[in-house]
N, C-alpha and C. Protein backbone atom coordinates (compact mmCIF):
# COMPACT_ATOMS: atom_id res chain seq x y z
N MET A 1 122.34 66.33 120.13
CA MET A 1 123.11 67.62 120.15
C MET A 1 124.66 67.20 120.09
N SER A 2 125.36 67.84 119.41
CA SER A 2 126.85 67.61 119.21
C SER A 2 127.64 68.88 119.93
N ASP A 3 128.81 68.40 120.24
CA ASP A 3 129.83 69.43 120.64
C ASP A 3 130.72 69.89 119.51
N ILE A 4 131.17 71.12 119.48
CA ILE A 4 132.11 71.64 118.44
C ILE A 4 133.41 71.66 119.05
N GLN A 5 134.36 70.93 118.57
CA GLN A 5 135.68 70.89 119.11
C GLN A 5 136.59 71.57 118.12
N HIS A 6 137.77 72.21 118.62
CA HIS A 6 138.68 73.01 117.79
C HIS A 6 140.08 72.65 118.21
N ALA A 7 140.92 72.66 117.19
CA ALA A 7 142.43 72.55 117.45
C ALA A 7 143.20 73.23 116.46
N HIS A 8 144.37 73.88 116.82
CA HIS A 8 145.20 74.55 115.88
C HIS A 8 146.45 73.54 115.60
N LEU A 9 147.00 73.68 114.41
CA LEU A 9 148.27 72.92 114.18
C LEU A 9 149.16 73.91 113.41
N TYR A 10 150.26 74.24 113.88
CA TYR A 10 151.23 75.35 113.34
C TYR A 10 152.43 74.50 112.93
N GLY A 11 153.17 75.10 111.88
CA GLY A 11 154.45 74.49 111.58
C GLY A 11 154.59 74.41 110.01
N MET A 12 155.70 73.64 109.68
CA MET A 12 155.96 73.40 108.32
C MET A 12 155.19 72.23 107.80
N ARG A 13 155.08 72.03 106.51
CA ARG A 13 154.17 70.93 105.97
C ARG A 13 154.65 69.55 106.49
N ASP A 14 155.99 69.30 106.41
CA ASP A 14 156.35 68.01 106.77
C ASP A 14 156.10 67.54 108.23
N ALA A 15 156.38 68.69 109.07
CA ALA A 15 156.01 68.57 110.54
C ALA A 15 154.46 68.30 110.72
N LYS A 16 153.65 68.96 109.91
CA LYS A 16 152.23 68.64 110.15
C LYS A 16 151.88 67.32 109.64
N TYR A 17 152.48 66.81 108.62
CA TYR A 17 152.14 65.47 108.07
C TYR A 17 152.49 64.52 109.20
N ASP A 18 153.70 64.70 109.77
CA ASP A 18 154.23 63.71 110.91
C ASP A 18 153.19 63.71 112.03
N TRP A 19 152.82 64.90 112.36
CA TRP A 19 151.89 65.07 113.50
C TRP A 19 150.65 64.32 113.30
N LEU A 20 150.07 64.62 112.02
CA LEU A 20 148.85 63.98 111.66
C LEU A 20 148.88 62.49 111.57
N LEU A 21 149.99 61.94 111.17
CA LEU A 21 150.20 60.49 111.07
C LEU A 21 150.15 59.83 112.42
N GLY A 22 150.58 60.59 113.46
CA GLY A 22 150.61 60.03 114.76
C GLY A 22 149.51 60.35 115.76
N HIS A 23 148.53 61.06 115.18
CA HIS A 23 147.36 61.42 115.99
C HIS A 23 146.06 61.17 115.33
N ASP A 24 144.99 61.09 116.04
CA ASP A 24 143.69 61.00 115.46
C ASP A 24 142.74 61.89 116.25
N VAL A 25 141.46 61.79 115.88
CA VAL A 25 140.41 62.66 116.54
C VAL A 25 140.40 62.36 118.07
N LEU A 26 140.64 61.13 118.52
CA LEU A 26 140.58 60.85 120.04
C LEU A 26 141.88 61.36 120.76
N SER A 27 142.95 61.41 120.18
CA SER A 27 144.24 61.86 120.67
C SER A 27 144.57 63.26 120.51
N THR A 28 143.69 63.97 119.95
CA THR A 28 143.96 65.45 119.76
C THR A 28 143.56 66.21 120.97
N ASP A 29 144.28 67.36 121.34
CA ASP A 29 143.88 68.09 122.44
C ASP A 29 142.94 69.26 121.97
N TRP A 30 141.71 68.90 122.08
CA TRP A 30 140.65 69.76 121.51
C TRP A 30 140.21 70.86 122.57
N LYS A 31 139.66 71.88 121.95
CA LYS A 31 139.08 72.97 122.89
C LYS A 31 137.61 73.09 122.37
N GLU A 32 136.69 73.10 123.24
CA GLU A 32 135.36 73.25 122.94
C GLU A 32 134.97 74.64 122.56
N VAL A 33 134.35 74.93 121.49
CA VAL A 33 133.86 76.24 120.99
C VAL A 33 132.33 76.45 120.93
N SER A 34 131.77 77.48 121.30
CA SER A 34 130.38 77.75 121.15
C SER A 34 130.12 78.83 120.19
N PRO A 35 129.96 78.60 118.98
CA PRO A 35 129.74 79.76 117.92
C PRO A 35 128.49 80.54 118.35
N GLN A 36 128.53 81.81 118.20
CA GLN A 36 127.44 82.71 118.56
C GLN A 36 126.96 83.49 117.31
N LYS A 37 125.76 83.89 117.38
CA LYS A 37 125.22 84.69 116.23
C LYS A 37 126.07 86.12 116.27
N PRO A 38 126.16 86.71 115.07
CA PRO A 38 125.67 86.35 113.80
C PRO A 38 126.57 85.58 112.89
N PHE A 39 127.84 85.50 113.42
CA PHE A 39 128.82 84.95 112.53
C PHE A 39 129.07 83.52 112.58
N HIS A 40 128.73 82.77 113.86
CA HIS A 40 128.88 81.44 114.11
C HIS A 40 130.35 81.02 113.77
N LEU A 41 131.38 81.73 114.37
CA LEU A 41 132.72 81.41 114.08
C LEU A 41 133.20 80.09 114.67
N PHE A 42 133.79 79.27 114.07
CA PHE A 42 134.29 77.90 114.48
C PHE A 42 135.74 78.07 114.99
N ILE A 43 136.09 79.11 115.58
CA ILE A 43 137.41 79.16 116.22
C ILE A 43 137.26 79.90 117.62
N PRO A 44 138.14 79.60 118.61
CA PRO A 44 138.07 80.31 119.87
C PRO A 44 138.16 81.77 119.65
N GLN A 45 137.19 82.58 120.50
CA GLN A 45 137.22 83.96 120.36
C GLN A 45 137.42 84.58 121.69
N ASN A 46 137.99 85.75 121.90
CA ASN A 46 138.21 86.62 122.87
C ASN A 46 137.04 87.62 122.76
N ASN A 47 135.99 87.55 123.68
CA ASN A 47 134.88 88.32 123.62
C ASN A 47 134.79 89.42 124.59
N ASP A 48 135.91 89.81 125.22
CA ASP A 48 135.97 90.81 126.20
C ASP A 48 135.57 92.21 125.72
N LEU A 49 135.70 92.49 124.35
CA LEU A 49 135.36 93.77 123.91
C LEU A 49 134.25 93.54 122.86
N LEU A 50 133.51 92.50 122.92
CA LEU A 50 132.47 92.20 122.05
C LEU A 50 131.31 93.25 122.08
N ALA A 51 130.93 93.59 123.35
CA ALA A 51 129.77 94.52 123.53
C ALA A 51 130.22 95.93 122.98
N GLU A 52 131.39 96.40 123.19
CA GLU A 52 131.73 97.59 122.78
C GLU A 52 131.82 97.57 121.07
N PHE A 53 132.34 96.53 120.63
CA PHE A 53 132.33 96.36 119.27
C PHE A 53 130.98 96.50 118.52
N GLN A 54 130.05 95.73 119.05
CA GLN A 54 128.70 95.68 118.67
C GLN A 54 127.81 96.99 118.82
N ALA A 55 128.40 97.85 119.77
CA ALA A 55 127.84 99.26 119.99
C ALA A 55 127.90 100.09 118.75
N TYR A 56 128.90 99.97 117.94
CA TYR A 56 129.07 100.78 116.90
C TYR A 56 128.33 100.34 115.60
N TRP A 57 128.26 101.33 114.58
CA TRP A 57 127.50 101.13 113.42
C TRP A 57 128.22 99.85 112.61
N LYS A 58 127.25 99.07 111.97
CA LYS A 58 127.94 98.22 111.08
C LYS A 58 128.15 98.94 109.74
N ILE A 59 129.23 98.49 109.01
CA ILE A 59 129.66 99.03 107.73
C ILE A 59 128.49 99.11 106.82
N THR A 60 127.61 98.02 106.81
CA THR A 60 126.50 97.99 105.93
C THR A 60 125.34 99.04 106.37
N GLU A 61 125.42 99.52 107.65
CA GLU A 61 124.48 100.52 108.01
C GLU A 61 124.90 101.98 107.75
N ALA A 62 126.27 101.99 107.77
CA ALA A 62 126.90 103.36 107.38
C ALA A 62 126.85 103.60 105.90
N MET A 63 127.06 102.45 105.12
CA MET A 63 127.10 102.53 103.78
C MET A 63 126.13 101.36 103.07
N PRO A 64 124.78 101.74 103.15
CA PRO A 64 123.78 100.67 102.87
C PRO A 64 123.98 100.06 101.33
N ILE A 65 124.44 100.79 100.44
CA ILE A 65 124.52 100.32 98.97
C ILE A 65 125.97 99.69 98.98
N ASN A 66 125.89 98.35 98.73
CA ASN A 66 127.08 97.67 98.57
C ASN A 66 126.92 96.55 97.46
N VAL A 67 128.00 96.13 96.93
CA VAL A 67 127.91 95.15 95.81
C VAL A 67 129.33 94.63 95.52
N LEU A 68 129.42 93.61 94.91
CA LEU A 68 130.71 93.04 94.44
C LEU A 68 131.24 93.95 93.34
N GLY A 69 132.47 93.86 93.23
CA GLY A 69 133.08 94.73 92.19
C GLY A 69 132.83 94.23 90.80
N PHE A 70 132.98 94.99 89.78
CA PHE A 70 132.58 94.54 88.46
C PHE A 70 133.42 93.34 88.00
N GLN A 71 132.79 92.60 87.12
CA GLN A 71 133.40 91.34 86.54
C GLN A 71 133.23 91.49 84.99
N THR A 72 134.42 91.41 84.39
CA THR A 72 134.50 91.47 82.89
C THR A 72 134.46 90.15 82.25
N HIS A 73 135.12 89.16 82.92
CA HIS A 73 135.35 87.86 82.38
C HIS A 73 136.14 87.89 81.09
N ARG A 74 136.78 89.11 80.85
CA ARG A 74 137.74 89.21 79.86
C ARG A 74 138.65 90.54 80.12
N ASP A 75 139.33 90.40 81.17
CA ASP A 75 140.05 91.67 81.61
C ASP A 75 141.08 92.10 80.69
N ASN A 76 141.62 91.17 79.88
CA ASN A 76 142.64 91.59 78.84
C ASN A 76 142.05 92.37 77.70
N PHE A 77 140.69 92.34 77.57
CA PHE A 77 140.11 93.04 76.49
C PHE A 77 139.41 94.34 77.05
N ALA A 78 138.82 94.39 78.26
CA ALA A 78 138.10 95.35 78.75
C ALA A 78 138.87 96.38 79.63
N ILE A 79 140.04 96.03 79.99
CA ILE A 79 140.82 96.90 80.88
C ILE A 79 142.35 97.01 80.31
N ASP A 80 142.91 98.12 80.47
CA ASP A 80 144.26 98.21 80.05
C ASP A 80 144.99 99.45 80.65
N LEU A 81 146.18 99.43 80.86
CA LEU A 81 147.00 100.62 81.37
C LEU A 81 147.04 101.70 80.28
N ASP A 82 146.98 101.35 79.07
CA ASP A 82 147.08 102.27 77.82
C ASP A 82 145.80 102.65 77.34
N PHE A 83 145.42 104.00 77.43
CA PHE A 83 144.23 104.54 76.97
C PHE A 83 144.05 104.19 75.39
N ASP A 84 145.11 104.37 74.63
CA ASP A 84 145.01 104.20 73.25
C ASP A 84 144.74 102.82 72.87
N ALA A 85 145.28 101.78 73.64
CA ALA A 85 145.09 100.46 73.33
C ALA A 85 143.61 100.04 73.49
N ILE A 86 142.92 100.49 74.54
CA ILE A 86 141.58 100.17 74.80
C ILE A 86 140.62 100.95 73.79
N LYS A 87 141.11 102.17 73.47
CA LYS A 87 140.36 102.94 72.47
C LYS A 87 140.33 102.25 71.09
N GLN A 88 141.48 101.60 70.71
CA GLN A 88 141.63 100.89 69.44
C GLN A 88 140.62 99.74 69.41
N ARG A 89 140.45 99.09 70.51
CA ARG A 89 139.47 97.92 70.57
C ARG A 89 138.11 98.41 70.35
N LEU A 90 137.76 99.60 70.97
CA LEU A 90 136.53 100.15 70.84
C LEU A 90 136.17 100.54 69.30
N ASP A 91 137.26 101.20 68.69
CA ASP A 91 137.12 101.46 67.34
C ASP A 91 136.95 100.20 66.54
N ASP A 92 137.57 99.19 66.73
CA ASP A 92 137.37 97.95 66.03
C ASP A 92 135.91 97.40 66.12
N LEU A 93 135.45 97.48 67.34
CA LEU A 93 134.11 97.09 67.61
C LEU A 93 132.97 97.95 66.73
N ARG A 94 133.43 99.17 66.64
CA ARG A 94 132.47 100.14 65.93
C ARG A 94 132.58 100.02 64.47
N ASN A 95 133.70 99.51 64.06
CA ASN A 95 133.94 99.46 62.49
C ASN A 95 133.29 98.25 61.90
N SER A 96 132.27 98.51 61.06
CA SER A 96 131.36 97.50 60.55
C SER A 96 132.10 96.73 59.44
N ASP A 97 133.32 97.30 59.03
CA ASP A 97 134.04 96.63 57.97
C ASP A 97 134.84 95.49 58.46
N ILE A 98 134.93 95.32 59.88
CA ILE A 98 135.68 94.20 60.39
C ILE A 98 134.70 93.10 60.91
N SER A 99 134.99 91.98 60.66
CA SER A 99 133.93 90.99 60.94
C SER A 99 134.08 90.45 62.46
N ASP A 100 133.01 90.01 62.97
CA ASP A 100 133.03 89.49 64.31
C ASP A 100 134.11 88.48 64.60
N GLN A 101 134.29 87.62 63.70
CA GLN A 101 135.29 86.52 63.76
C GLN A 101 136.72 87.12 63.80
N ASN A 102 136.99 88.18 63.00
CA ASN A 102 138.22 88.88 63.06
C ASN A 102 138.54 89.36 64.33
N ILE A 103 137.62 90.05 65.05
CA ILE A 103 137.80 90.67 66.24
C ILE A 103 138.00 89.64 67.36
N GLN A 104 137.29 88.59 67.33
CA GLN A 104 137.39 87.56 68.33
C GLN A 104 138.86 86.92 68.16
N GLU A 105 139.15 86.63 67.02
CA GLU A 105 140.57 86.09 66.88
C GLU A 105 141.69 87.04 67.25
N LYS A 106 141.55 88.27 66.85
CA LYS A 106 142.54 89.36 67.14
C LYS A 106 142.72 89.48 68.69
N TYR A 107 141.64 89.59 69.52
CA TYR A 107 141.68 89.88 70.87
C TYR A 107 141.51 88.59 71.67
N ASP A 108 141.32 87.44 71.13
CA ASP A 108 141.25 86.17 71.89
C ASP A 108 140.09 86.24 72.72
N ILE A 109 138.85 86.53 72.31
CA ILE A 109 137.72 86.66 73.13
C ILE A 109 136.63 85.70 72.58
N LYS A 110 135.77 85.23 73.49
CA LYS A 110 134.68 84.26 73.13
C LYS A 110 133.49 84.63 73.59
N ASP A 111 132.37 84.15 72.94
CA ASP A 111 131.04 84.36 73.54
C ASP A 111 130.91 83.46 74.69
N ASN A 112 129.86 83.96 75.63
CA ASN A 112 129.55 83.08 76.73
C ASN A 112 128.06 83.25 77.01
N ARG A 113 127.64 82.80 78.10
CA ARG A 113 126.11 82.75 78.39
C ARG A 113 125.67 84.22 78.49
N ASP A 114 126.45 85.15 79.05
CA ASP A 114 126.08 86.45 79.36
C ASP A 114 126.50 87.54 78.35
N TRP A 115 127.38 87.07 77.43
CA TRP A 115 128.02 88.16 76.53
C TRP A 115 128.23 87.51 75.18
N ASN A 116 127.99 88.29 74.13
CA ASN A 116 128.27 87.78 72.83
C ASN A 116 128.70 89.02 71.91
N ILE A 117 129.65 88.69 71.05
CA ILE A 117 130.32 89.79 70.25
C ILE A 117 129.33 90.46 69.34
N LYS A 118 128.34 89.76 68.74
CA LYS A 118 127.37 90.42 67.90
C LYS A 118 126.55 91.50 68.68
N ASP A 119 126.01 91.07 69.84
CA ASP A 119 125.15 92.16 70.50
C ASP A 119 126.03 93.29 71.07
N ALA A 120 127.30 92.82 71.57
CA ALA A 120 128.17 93.99 71.97
C ALA A 120 128.42 95.01 70.95
N ARG A 121 128.71 94.52 69.72
CA ARG A 121 129.01 95.51 68.64
C ARG A 121 127.74 96.35 68.21
N LYS A 122 126.64 95.67 68.18
CA LYS A 122 125.36 96.33 67.90
C LYS A 122 125.07 97.45 68.93
N GLN A 123 125.41 97.11 70.25
CA GLN A 123 125.09 98.20 71.28
C GLN A 123 126.01 99.37 71.15
N ILE A 124 127.34 99.17 70.89
CA ILE A 124 128.19 100.29 70.84
C ILE A 124 128.10 101.08 69.54
N GLN A 125 127.65 100.48 68.45
CA GLN A 125 127.56 101.09 67.25
C GLN A 125 126.26 101.93 67.16
N GLY A 126 125.26 101.66 68.11
CA GLY A 126 124.13 102.48 68.29
C GLY A 126 124.05 103.38 69.36
N ASP A 127 125.33 103.63 69.99
CA ASP A 127 125.33 104.56 71.16
C ASP A 127 126.12 105.79 70.78
N ARG A 128 125.47 106.85 70.61
CA ARG A 128 126.05 108.13 70.10
C ARG A 128 127.05 108.67 71.32
N ASP A 129 126.85 108.25 72.44
CA ASP A 129 127.45 108.87 73.57
C ASP A 129 128.35 107.70 74.13
N TRP A 130 128.98 106.92 73.32
CA TRP A 130 129.74 105.67 73.77
C TRP A 130 131.03 106.09 74.38
N LYS A 131 131.56 107.15 74.19
CA LYS A 131 132.94 107.54 74.82
C LYS A 131 132.83 107.76 76.35
N LYS A 132 131.71 108.08 76.77
CA LYS A 132 131.49 108.34 78.23
C LYS A 132 131.86 107.18 79.12
N TRP A 133 131.74 105.94 78.64
CA TRP A 133 131.89 104.87 79.34
C TRP A 133 133.44 104.44 79.41
N LEU A 134 134.29 105.16 78.71
CA LEU A 134 135.69 104.86 78.76
C LEU A 134 136.29 105.66 79.91
N ILE A 135 136.49 105.03 81.07
CA ILE A 135 136.94 105.74 82.29
C ILE A 135 138.05 105.03 82.86
N LYS A 136 138.58 105.66 84.00
CA LYS A 136 139.56 104.97 84.88
C LYS A 136 138.86 104.31 85.95
N CYS A 137 139.52 103.19 86.30
CA CYS A 137 138.99 102.36 87.48
C CYS A 137 139.95 102.01 88.42
N ASP A 138 139.56 101.75 89.66
CA ASP A 138 140.51 101.07 90.67
C ASP A 138 140.65 99.63 90.39
N TYR A 139 141.49 99.18 89.58
CA TYR A 139 141.67 97.81 89.22
C TYR A 139 142.05 96.90 90.36
N ARG A 140 143.08 97.53 91.21
CA ARG A 140 143.51 96.94 92.49
C ARG A 140 143.94 98.09 93.28
N PRO A 141 144.18 97.99 94.56
CA PRO A 141 144.56 99.10 95.41
C PRO A 141 145.85 99.73 94.86
N PHE A 142 145.78 101.00 94.58
CA PHE A 142 146.90 101.83 93.99
C PHE A 142 147.11 101.41 92.63
N ASP A 143 146.32 100.90 91.94
CA ASP A 143 146.53 100.34 90.50
C ASP A 143 145.23 100.95 89.65
N LYS A 144 145.43 102.06 89.09
CA LYS A 144 144.40 102.69 88.31
C LYS A 144 144.63 102.30 86.91
N ARG A 145 143.53 101.88 86.17
CA ARG A 145 143.61 101.54 84.82
C ARG A 145 142.50 102.03 84.03
N TYR A 146 142.53 102.01 82.72
CA TYR A 146 141.47 102.45 81.85
C TYR A 146 140.52 101.09 81.72
N CYS A 147 139.22 101.37 81.64
CA CYS A 147 138.26 100.35 81.36
C CYS A 147 137.08 100.87 80.52
N TYR A 148 136.44 99.96 79.90
CA TYR A 148 135.20 100.33 79.27
C TYR A 148 133.99 99.82 80.07
N PHE A 149 133.47 100.75 80.90
CA PHE A 149 132.46 100.32 81.89
C PHE A 149 131.13 100.24 81.47
N SER A 150 130.90 98.98 80.66
CA SER A 150 129.66 98.86 80.07
C SER A 150 129.49 97.46 79.70
N THR A 151 128.23 97.01 79.47
CA THR A 151 128.19 95.60 79.07
C THR A 151 128.61 95.23 77.64
N VAL A 152 129.14 96.33 76.97
CA VAL A 152 129.71 96.19 75.59
C VAL A 152 130.93 95.35 75.77
N MET A 153 131.64 95.46 76.88
CA MET A 153 133.02 94.74 77.19
C MET A 153 132.98 93.91 78.54
N MET A 154 131.95 94.24 79.34
CA MET A 154 131.96 93.48 80.64
C MET A 154 130.59 92.76 80.77
N ASP A 155 130.76 91.53 81.30
CA ASP A 155 129.58 90.75 81.70
C ASP A 155 128.66 91.39 82.72
N CYS A 156 129.37 91.91 83.80
CA CYS A 156 128.73 92.45 85.01
C CYS A 156 129.46 93.65 85.48
N PRO A 157 128.97 94.88 84.79
CA PRO A 157 129.56 96.20 85.32
C PRO A 157 129.06 96.61 86.69
N ARG A 158 127.84 95.96 87.06
CA ARG A 158 127.14 96.16 88.37
C ARG A 158 126.39 97.52 88.31
N ARG A 159 125.11 97.43 88.32
CA ARG A 159 124.18 98.45 88.29
C ARG A 159 124.49 99.51 89.46
N GLU A 160 124.78 98.96 90.58
CA GLU A 160 125.02 99.84 91.78
C GLU A 160 126.31 100.81 91.58
N LEU A 161 127.34 100.22 90.77
CA LEU A 161 128.38 100.96 90.44
C LEU A 161 128.17 102.03 89.33
N LEU A 162 127.34 101.62 88.44
CA LEU A 162 126.95 102.53 87.32
C LEU A 162 126.23 103.66 87.79
N ASP A 163 125.32 103.43 88.80
CA ASP A 163 124.40 104.43 89.28
C ASP A 163 125.11 105.52 90.34
N HIS A 164 125.98 104.88 91.13
CA HIS A 164 126.57 105.61 92.30
C HIS A 164 127.95 105.83 92.12
N VAL A 165 128.79 105.29 91.33
CA VAL A 165 130.25 105.40 91.35
C VAL A 165 130.83 105.97 89.94
N ALA A 166 130.57 105.32 88.89
CA ALA A 166 131.06 105.69 87.67
C ALA A 166 130.77 107.19 87.23
N GLY A 167 131.92 107.88 87.05
CA GLY A 167 131.68 109.34 86.66
C GLY A 167 131.17 110.21 87.72
N LYS A 168 131.18 109.74 89.02
CA LYS A 168 130.68 110.50 90.08
C LYS A 168 131.69 110.60 91.25
N ASP A 169 131.72 111.77 91.92
CA ASP A 169 132.66 112.10 92.99
C ASP A 169 132.26 111.55 94.30
N ASN A 170 131.77 110.26 94.31
CA ASN A 170 131.33 109.66 95.59
C ASN A 170 132.38 108.90 96.31
N ARG A 171 132.41 108.82 97.56
CA ARG A 171 133.28 108.02 98.32
C ARG A 171 132.88 106.56 98.34
N LYS A 172 133.87 105.71 98.36
CA LYS A 172 133.60 104.31 98.45
C LYS A 172 134.57 103.60 99.23
N GLU A 173 134.13 102.50 99.79
CA GLU A 173 135.00 101.63 100.69
C GLU A 173 135.09 100.26 100.00
N SER A 174 136.30 99.79 99.84
CA SER A 174 136.64 98.34 99.24
C SER A 174 137.00 97.48 100.32
N GLY A 175 136.43 96.37 100.38
CA GLY A 175 136.71 95.34 101.34
C GLY A 175 136.80 93.90 100.66
N GLU A 176 137.03 92.96 101.49
CA GLU A 176 137.18 91.58 101.05
C GLU A 176 136.40 90.65 101.88
N ASN A 177 135.66 89.77 101.25
CA ASN A 177 134.95 88.78 101.94
C ASN A 177 135.76 87.47 102.08
N ARG A 178 136.40 87.25 103.15
CA ARG A 178 137.36 86.08 103.13
C ARG A 178 136.61 84.72 103.06
N ASN A 179 135.41 84.68 103.17
CA ASN A 179 134.64 83.43 102.97
C ASN A 179 134.81 82.94 101.55
N GLU A 180 135.09 83.97 100.61
CA GLU A 180 135.26 83.49 99.28
C GLU A 180 136.67 83.06 99.08
N GLY A 181 136.83 81.79 99.26
CA GLY A 181 138.14 81.29 99.27
C GLY A 181 138.95 81.48 97.95
N LYS A 182 138.23 81.65 96.93
CA LYS A 182 138.87 81.82 95.63
C LYS A 182 139.75 83.11 95.56
N ARG A 183 139.32 83.98 96.46
CA ARG A 183 140.16 85.26 96.40
C ARG A 183 141.49 85.11 96.97
N ARG A 184 141.77 84.06 97.73
CA ARG A 184 142.99 83.75 98.33
C ARG A 184 143.68 82.57 97.76
N ARG A 185 144.52 82.92 96.80
CA ARG A 185 145.26 81.88 96.11
C ARG A 185 146.75 81.97 96.42
N ILE A 186 147.31 80.95 97.03
CA ILE A 186 148.74 80.97 97.45
C ILE A 186 149.48 80.17 96.53
N ASP A 187 150.49 80.74 95.89
CA ASP A 187 151.35 79.98 95.03
C ASP A 187 152.02 78.78 95.58
N GLN A 188 151.87 77.66 95.00
CA GLN A 188 152.46 76.42 95.63
C GLN A 188 153.77 76.50 95.98
N SER A 189 154.75 77.09 95.12
CA SER A 189 156.04 77.21 95.44
C SER A 189 156.37 78.06 96.72
N LEU A 190 155.53 79.11 96.87
CA LEU A 190 155.78 79.94 98.01
C LEU A 190 155.17 79.24 99.32
N ALA A 191 154.16 78.43 99.16
CA ALA A 191 153.66 77.74 100.34
C ALA A 191 154.70 76.68 100.83
N GLU A 192 155.56 76.21 99.92
CA GLU A 192 156.56 75.26 100.32
C GLU A 192 157.64 76.03 101.20
N LYS A 193 157.76 77.28 101.16
CA LYS A 193 158.83 77.98 101.73
C LYS A 193 158.38 78.70 103.01
N VAL A 194 157.17 79.09 103.06
CA VAL A 194 156.76 80.03 104.20
C VAL A 194 155.94 79.18 105.29
N GLN A 195 156.09 79.62 106.50
CA GLN A 195 155.34 78.82 107.53
C GLN A 195 153.86 79.41 107.57
N TYR A 196 153.09 78.58 107.62
CA TYR A 196 151.62 78.78 107.48
C TYR A 196 150.79 78.14 108.52
N ARG A 197 149.58 78.48 108.87
CA ARG A 197 148.75 77.89 109.86
C ARG A 197 147.81 77.06 109.10
N ALA A 198 147.52 75.92 109.63
CA ALA A 198 146.42 75.08 109.35
C ALA A 198 145.53 74.86 110.47
N THR A 199 144.21 75.10 110.15
CA THR A 199 143.20 74.95 111.27
C THR A 199 142.38 73.65 111.05
N LEU A 200 142.47 72.87 112.09
CA LEU A 200 141.55 71.69 112.05
C LEU A 200 140.38 71.90 112.87
N CYS A 201 139.25 71.67 112.25
CA CYS A 201 137.98 71.80 112.98
C CYS A 201 137.13 70.65 112.77
N PHE A 202 136.78 69.88 113.86
CA PHE A 202 136.02 68.70 113.73
C PHE A 202 134.79 68.86 114.60
N THR A 203 133.68 68.22 114.20
CA THR A 203 132.51 68.12 115.07
C THR A 203 132.48 66.69 115.58
N SER A 204 132.49 66.52 116.80
CA SER A 204 132.44 65.20 117.42
C SER A 204 131.28 65.05 118.23
N LEU A 205 130.64 63.88 118.17
CA LEU A 205 129.42 63.65 118.94
C LEU A 205 129.86 63.34 120.42
N ASN A 206 128.97 63.70 121.27
CA ASN A 206 129.25 63.52 122.72
C ASN A 206 129.72 62.08 123.05
N ASN A 207 129.02 61.19 122.42
CA ASN A 207 129.36 59.77 122.76
C ASN A 207 130.58 59.30 122.19
N SER A 208 131.36 60.12 121.34
CA SER A 208 132.65 59.69 120.69
C SER A 208 133.68 60.07 121.60
N GLN A 209 133.52 61.05 122.70
CA GLN A 209 134.69 61.39 123.43
C GLN A 209 135.05 60.30 124.34
């Protein structure tokens, strides 16, 4: 059995480097933590209000249908602030006089595992009701844009969104899973200037103390 030890290190980058050069696992002032279900958090927690917090509904119980947002893998093609711009792309896809290669070169789009230009064009050319998928979407908070909400332009429009959100007056809640580190990208130049926190977390065996 091992103990889980935790320590915080605050300050600017240079100060952190200096501190790390002068300390090691044995000389760090650790605090033991005991991660609890269901999150198993590896940081110290104030659990004074935990029972009250757990007495309320979980967001997944209040809104049981949940899914990641749609993924286009070609935002510059499938999404636009200008309705006419995205409408022109759709017209090009439907125009059989324009070759697949010309469209790919014009809009800088490529085939991938989940999407290819040939199938996308065949799909929209055979859809008499194709205009209904040209809708407004919440691209970011307070940032509404036009998109073509279909596999014609998107790799993953998400079935749950197609069934319960697109074209419907249903309420939805947007959130972020911070465990997906790729969603948090800090510009390198900004990181040089701002003070930020680094968390050091080590697991040390009892006999190493």
